[in-house]
Amino acid sequence: MKKKVDYTLYLCTDRSFMSTNTIEESVELALEGGCTVVQLREKDCSSKDFYDLAIRVKTITHRYDVPLIINDRVDIALAVNADGVHVGQSDLPASVVRKIIGDDKIIGVSASTKALALQAVADGADYLGVGAMYSTNTKTDAGVITIDTVKEIRKAVDIPMVVIGGINKNTVSNVKGIGVDGICVISAIVAQQNITQAAKDLKELFMKP
């Protein structure tokens, strides 16, 4: 049974930008600051290292009762019994992922157009990661989309949406009031000297009327 997810402050890890020595420390500090979802994203480590890390991170997210989403790697998600998987447009299709992981796990899909969003919903996605909203060093190949595109996607689909790409304390106000359920943040949290405070501040700014 899938639990209802609070997507307000969605953390995506990135070891190349973090201010801490370990991903585990980065995640825990972010959770102390109020992050509501954690996506573990590892592009350059072995399957064994990813598995071991995911086990350690899941121990932390479980303690905070926050869902752990694994980026791309369905096998790792199943191996550690994570809460779900996030896939991009060059990863396995969500329809295939659903067959593999079953109905009780969360599937997130990256979408930058209305057509891709509708396809994701048809394939069984539980939420969308929409962006990139702004150019960002954490994903240099991501094309930037407009606020109008986000609004168009919001009108077309009824599943939760988080916006990603360059969301920080200076840009967060631009994505308020456009129908998104949360913000997905990387460097504006993990690269900060005070990760907990950075998370608190971003969450407050996003939720403030």
Protein backbone atom coordinates (compact mmCIF):
# COMPACT_ATOMS: atom_id res chain seq x y z
CA MET A 1 0.00 0.00 0.00
CA LYS A 2 1.53 3.29 -1.14
CA LYS A 3 1.48 5.96 1.53
CA LYS A 4 0.46 9.51 0.74
CA VAL A 5 3.58 11.53 -0.01
CA ASP A 6 4.30 15.12 0.96
CA TYR A 7 6.31 16.51 -1.98
CA THR A 8 6.84 19.99 -0.51
CA LEU A 9 10.64 19.85 -0.21
CA TYR A 10 12.16 17.13 -2.38
CA LEU A 11 15.90 16.63 -1.92
CA CYS A 12 18.02 15.16 -4.70
CA THR A 13 21.52 14.15 -3.63
CA ASP A 14 24.68 15.01 -5.53
CA ARG A 15 28.04 14.11 -4.02
CA SER A 16 29.95 16.51 -6.29
CA PHE A 17 28.29 19.56 -4.73
CA MET A 18 27.78 18.61 -1.09
CA SER A 19 29.44 20.51 1.73
CA THR A 20 29.60 17.45 4.02
CA ASN A 21 32.00 14.53 3.97
CA THR A 22 29.30 11.93 3.36
CA ILE A 23 25.95 11.69 1.63
CA GLU A 24 24.47 10.20 4.80
CA GLU A 25 25.38 13.31 6.79
CA SER A 26 24.03 15.55 4.03
CA VAL A 27 20.70 13.67 3.97
CA GLU A 28 20.28 13.67 7.73
CA LEU A 29 20.95 17.39 8.04
CA ALA A 30 18.46 18.08 5.23
CA LEU A 31 15.83 15.93 6.93
CA GLU A 32 16.38 17.83 10.16
CA GLY A 33 15.56 20.94 8.15
CA GLY A 34 12.26 19.53 6.94
CA CYS A 35 12.90 17.77 3.63
CA THR A 36 9.92 15.56 2.83
CA VAL A 37 11.32 13.26 0.11
CA VAL A 38 14.86 12.08 -0.63
CA GLN A 39 16.05 10.94 -4.03
CA LEU A 40 19.38 9.14 -4.01
CA ARG A 41 21.15 9.95 -7.26
CA GLU A 42 24.43 8.21 -8.05
CA LYS A 43 25.79 8.26 -11.59
CA ASP A 44 29.42 7.28 -11.09
CA CYS A 45 29.70 4.46 -8.60
CA SER A 46 29.56 0.69 -8.80
CA SER A 47 26.35 -1.23 -8.21
CA LYS A 48 27.75 -2.59 -4.95
CA ASP A 49 28.69 0.86 -3.70
CA PHE A 50 25.30 2.25 -4.70
CA TYR A 51 23.57 -0.64 -2.92
CA ASP A 52 25.60 -0.20 0.28
CA LEU A 53 24.99 3.57 0.27
CA ALA A 54 21.26 3.10 -0.36
CA ILE A 55 21.02 0.75 2.63
CA ARG A 56 22.67 3.34 4.86
CA VAL A 57 20.56 6.23 3.56
CA LYS A 58 17.36 4.21 3.89
CA THR A 59 18.11 3.70 7.58
CA ILE A 60 18.12 7.48 7.96
CA THR A 61 15.04 8.25 5.85
CA HIS A 62 13.12 5.47 7.61
CA ARG A 63 13.89 7.07 10.95
CA TYR A 64 12.35 10.34 9.75
CA ASP A 65 9.45 8.51 8.03
CA VAL A 66 10.40 10.11 4.71
CA PRO A 67 10.21 8.23 1.37
CA LEU A 68 13.46 7.17 -0.29
CA ILE A 69 13.40 7.33 -4.08
CA ILE A 70 16.22 5.80 -6.13
CA ASN A 71 17.21 7.59 -9.31
CA ASP A 72 17.14 5.43 -12.44
CA ARG A 73 18.27 2.13 -10.89
CA VAL A 74 15.25 -0.12 -10.54
CA ASP A 75 17.47 -2.99 -9.41
CA ILE A 76 18.90 -0.97 -6.52
CA ALA A 77 15.43 0.21 -5.50
CA LEU A 78 14.19 -3.37 -5.34
CA ALA A 79 17.33 -4.64 -3.62
CA VAL A 80 17.00 -2.19 -0.72
CA ASN A 81 13.17 -2.09 -0.75
CA ALA A 82 13.15 1.66 -1.36
CA ASP A 83 9.85 3.50 -1.59
CA GLY A 84 10.20 4.15 -5.29
CA VAL A 85 12.17 4.98 -8.42
CA HIS A 86 12.59 8.14 -10.48
CA VAL A 87 13.25 7.79 -14.21
CA GLY A 88 14.19 10.26 -16.90
CA GLN A 89 13.29 10.19 -20.56
CA SER A 90 16.41 8.16 -21.44
CA ASP A 91 15.81 5.57 -18.71
CA LEU A 92 13.43 2.61 -18.70
CA PRO A 93 9.85 3.67 -19.56
CA ALA A 94 7.60 4.08 -16.53
CA SER A 95 5.24 1.41 -17.91
CA VAL A 96 8.09 -1.12 -17.82
CA VAL A 97 9.24 0.03 -14.39
CA ARG A 98 5.69 -0.42 -13.06
CA LYS A 99 5.65 -4.03 -14.24
CA ILE A 100 8.94 -4.66 -12.48
CA ILE A 101 8.32 -2.93 -9.15
CA GLY A 102 4.58 -3.52 -8.77
CA ASP A 103 1.75 -1.25 -7.72
CA ASP A 104 2.92 -0.48 -4.18
CA LYS A 105 6.02 1.52 -5.13
CA ILE A 106 6.25 5.17 -6.20
CA ILE A 107 7.32 6.04 -9.74
CA GLY A 108 8.44 9.55 -10.64
CA VAL A 109 9.10 10.66 -14.21
CA SER A 110 10.97 13.69 -15.54
CA ALA A 111 8.88 15.68 -18.01
CA SER A 112 9.53 18.96 -19.79
CA THR A 113 6.48 19.10 -22.08
CA LYS A 114 2.74 18.49 -21.87
CA ALA A 115 3.08 15.49 -24.21
CA LEU A 116 5.74 13.85 -22.06
CA ALA A 117 3.70 14.52 -18.93
CA LEU A 118 0.59 12.91 -20.41
CA GLN A 119 2.64 9.91 -21.52
CA ALA A 120 4.09 9.56 -18.02
CA VAL A 121 0.62 9.54 -16.50
CA ALA A 122 -0.55 6.96 -19.05
CA ASP A 123 2.49 4.82 -18.17
CA GLY A 124 1.61 4.84 -14.47
CA ALA A 125 3.69 7.65 -12.96
CA ASP A 126 2.78 8.77 -9.45
CA TYR A 127 4.41 12.19 -9.74
CA LEU A 128 6.31 14.35 -12.22
CA GLY A 129 9.62 16.14 -11.94
CA VAL A 130 9.17 19.16 -14.21
CA GLY A 131 12.05 21.30 -15.45
CA ALA A 132 14.64 22.50 -15.74
CA MET A 133 13.20 25.76 -14.48
CA TYR A 134 16.55 27.55 -14.58
CA SER A 135 20.01 26.66 -15.83
CA THR A 136 21.93 24.71 -13.24
CA ASN A 137 25.41 23.29 -12.76
CA THR A 138 24.06 20.03 -11.37
CA LYS A 139 22.51 19.02 -14.70
CA THR A 140 24.19 20.90 -17.51
CA ASP A 141 22.35 19.09 -20.34
CA ALA A 142 18.85 20.00 -19.15
CA GLY A 143 16.85 22.38 -21.33
CA VAL A 144 15.14 25.26 -19.56
CA ILE A 145 11.34 25.48 -19.66
CA THR A 146 8.97 28.36 -18.93
CA ILE A 147 6.45 29.02 -16.18
CA ASP A 148 3.75 28.86 -18.88
CA THR A 149 4.85 25.31 -19.74
CA VAL A 150 4.56 24.32 -16.08
CA LYS A 151 1.05 25.78 -15.97
CA GLU A 152 0.15 23.94 -19.18
CA ILE A 153 1.35 20.64 -17.71
CA ARG A 154 -0.52 21.35 -14.47
CA LYS A 155 -3.79 21.79 -16.38
CA ALA A 156 -3.21 18.58 -18.33
CA VAL A 157 -2.43 16.17 -15.47
CA ASP A 158 -3.80 15.55 -12.00
CA ILE A 159 -0.84 13.83 -10.34
CA PRO A 160 1.60 15.67 -8.05
CA MET A 161 4.34 17.78 -9.66
CA VAL A 162 7.64 19.09 -8.36
CA VAL A 163 9.74 21.64 -10.21
CA ILE A 164 13.48 21.17 -10.50
CA GLY A 165 16.46 23.06 -11.84
CA GLY A 166 18.01 26.13 -10.27
CA ILE A 167 15.48 26.39 -7.45
CA ASN A 168 16.99 28.43 -4.63
CA LYS A 169 16.04 31.17 -2.18
CA ASN A 170 16.16 33.75 -4.98
CA THR A 171 14.01 31.84 -7.47
CA VAL A 172 11.59 29.91 -5.27
CA SER A 173 9.05 32.74 -5.20
CA ASN A 174 8.69 32.45 -8.98
CA VAL A 175 7.28 28.91 -8.73
CA LYS A 176 4.76 29.63 -6.01
CA GLY A 177 1.10 29.82 -6.94
CA ILE A 178 1.45 27.95 -10.24
CA GLY A 179 -0.01 24.69 -9.02
CA VAL A 180 3.10 22.69 -8.20
CA ASP A 181 3.16 20.44 -5.15
CA GLY A 182 6.76 21.01 -4.25
CA ILE A 183 10.28 22.05 -5.16
CA CYS A 184 13.12 19.67 -5.94
CA VAL A 185 16.41 21.05 -4.71
CA ILE A 186 20.02 19.97 -4.97
CA SER A 187 22.81 22.52 -4.48
CA ALA A 188 20.63 25.10 -2.70
CA ILE A 189 20.60 22.60 0.16
CA VAL A 190 23.49 20.13 -0.10
CA ALA A 191 26.12 22.70 -1.10
CA GLN A 192 25.32 25.04 1.78
CA GLN A 193 27.45 25.31 4.92
CA ASN A 194 24.33 25.06 7.10
CA ILE A 195 22.25 22.42 5.31
CA THR A 196 19.55 22.23 7.97
CA GLN A 197 18.94 25.98 7.97
CA ALA A 198 19.00 26.10 4.16
CA ALA A 199 16.28 23.44 4.03
CA LYS A 200 14.20 25.24 6.65
CA ASP A 201 14.48 28.55 4.84
CA LEU A 202 13.53 27.13 1.44
CA LYS A 203 10.56 25.25 2.82
CA GLU A 204 9.34 28.34 4.63
CA LEU A 205 9.73 30.50 1.53
CA PHE A 206 7.82 28.00 -0.62
CA MET A 207 5.00 27.52 1.87
CA LYS A 208 4.63 31.15 2.90
CA PRO A 209 1.37 32.65 1.53
